[in-house]
Amino acid sequence: MDITLIAGWNLLSLPDRPANLTTGKGLVEAAISQGFNAQLAAAFRNGGWQIYYHPLFGNFTLQEQEGVLLFVQEAGTFTYTAIRY
């Protein structure tokens, strides 16, 4: 599945479960492996932010049908393998 990213913050609501992405860290590292300068993924959950800041700290599990913020420094197309919910 392809998702168009803009430079800066991207609010993603993944319509399908990513086959190999289960954490914020995994999402950032997948974007990096595709040539993005990705730095941060975050989700707002239970009144607080869950954050992964590459490569320094944090991590969180991606939840089905939950929005996640991804910060990248350039625009492009992010591709992942999807499994239908």
Protein backbone atom coordinates (compact mmCIF):
# COMPACT_ATOMS: atom_id res chain seq x y z
CA MET A 1 0.00 0.00 0.00
CA ASP A 2 1.28 3.47 -0.86
CA ILE A 3 0.87 6.58 1.30
CA THR A 4 1.92 10.05 0.10
CA LEU A 5 3.93 11.89 2.75
CA ILE A 6 4.62 15.63 2.87
CA ALA A 7 7.69 17.27 4.39
CA GLY A 8 6.91 17.78 8.09
CA TRP A 9 4.16 16.19 10.15
CA ASN A 10 1.93 13.54 8.60
CA LEU A 11 -1.18 12.25 10.35
CA LEU A 12 -1.56 8.63 9.26
CA SER A 13 -4.56 6.43 9.76
CA LEU A 14 -3.47 3.15 8.26
CA PRO A 15 -6.51 1.58 6.55
CA ASP A 16 -4.93 -1.87 6.73
CA ARG A 17 -2.67 -3.48 9.28
CA PRO A 18 0.96 -3.27 8.17
CA ALA A 19 2.38 -6.78 7.81
CA ASN A 20 5.77 -6.01 9.36
CA LEU A 21 5.19 -2.75 11.27
CA THR A 22 4.03 -3.15 14.84
CA THR A 23 5.71 -0.26 16.67
CA GLY A 24 6.46 3.43 16.29
CA LYS A 25 10.14 2.54 16.05
CA GLY A 26 9.37 0.08 13.25
CA LEU A 27 7.41 2.76 11.36
CA VAL A 28 10.28 5.27 11.58
CA GLU A 29 12.88 2.67 10.63
CA ALA A 30 10.76 1.52 7.65
CA ALA A 31 10.55 5.13 6.43
CA ILE A 32 14.33 5.52 6.84
CA SER A 33 14.93 2.31 4.88
CA GLN A 34 12.91 3.83 2.02
CA GLY A 35 15.12 6.91 1.91
CA PHE A 36 13.16 9.28 4.15
CA ASN A 37 14.88 11.35 6.82
CA ALA A 38 12.32 10.27 9.42
CA GLN A 39 12.83 11.31 13.03
CA LEU A 40 9.74 10.85 15.12
CA ALA A 41 6.50 8.89 15.44
CA ALA A 42 3.85 9.69 18.03
CA ALA A 43 0.37 8.59 19.06
CA PHE A 44 -1.97 10.24 21.58
CA ARG A 45 -3.32 7.59 23.89
CA ASN A 46 -5.01 7.67 27.32
CA GLY A 47 -4.45 11.41 27.74
CA GLY A 48 -0.73 11.38 26.89
CA TRP A 49 1.72 11.07 24.04
CA GLN A 50 3.44 7.81 23.15
CA ILE A 51 6.65 8.78 21.32
CA TYR A 52 9.53 7.20 19.44
CA TYR A 53 12.33 9.69 18.71
CA HIS A 54 14.96 8.16 16.43
CA PRO A 55 17.46 7.02 17.61
CA LEU A 56 17.31 8.31 21.17
CA PHE A 57 14.30 7.08 23.12
CA GLY A 58 10.82 5.70 23.41
CA ASN A 59 8.64 3.27 21.55
CA PHE A 60 5.00 2.27 21.41
CA THR A 61 2.83 -0.41 19.85
CA LEU A 62 0.74 0.60 16.84
CA GLN A 63 -2.96 0.09 17.50
CA GLU A 64 -5.44 -1.02 14.85
CA GLN A 65 -7.29 1.91 13.27
CA GLU A 66 -5.52 4.48 15.46
CA GLY A 67 -3.96 7.62 14.03
CA VAL A 68 -0.21 8.10 14.29
CA LEU A 69 1.93 11.15 13.57
CA LEU A 70 5.09 10.65 11.51
CA PHE A 71 7.65 13.42 10.99
CA VAL A 72 9.78 13.28 7.84
CA GLN A 73 11.95 15.98 6.28
CA GLU A 74 10.99 15.41 2.65
CA ALA A 75 7.94 14.52 0.61
CA GLY A 76 7.58 11.16 -1.11
CA THR A 77 5.66 7.91 -1.25
CA PHE A 78 5.88 5.49 1.67
CA THR A 79 5.09 1.88 0.82
CA TYR A 80 4.15 -0.95 3.16
CA THR A 81 2.73 -4.44 2.84
CA ALA A 82 -0.83 -4.55 4.18
CA ILE A 83 -2.99 -7.21 5.78
CA ARG A 84 -6.74 -6.53 5.81
CA TYR A 85 -8.27 -6.07 9.27
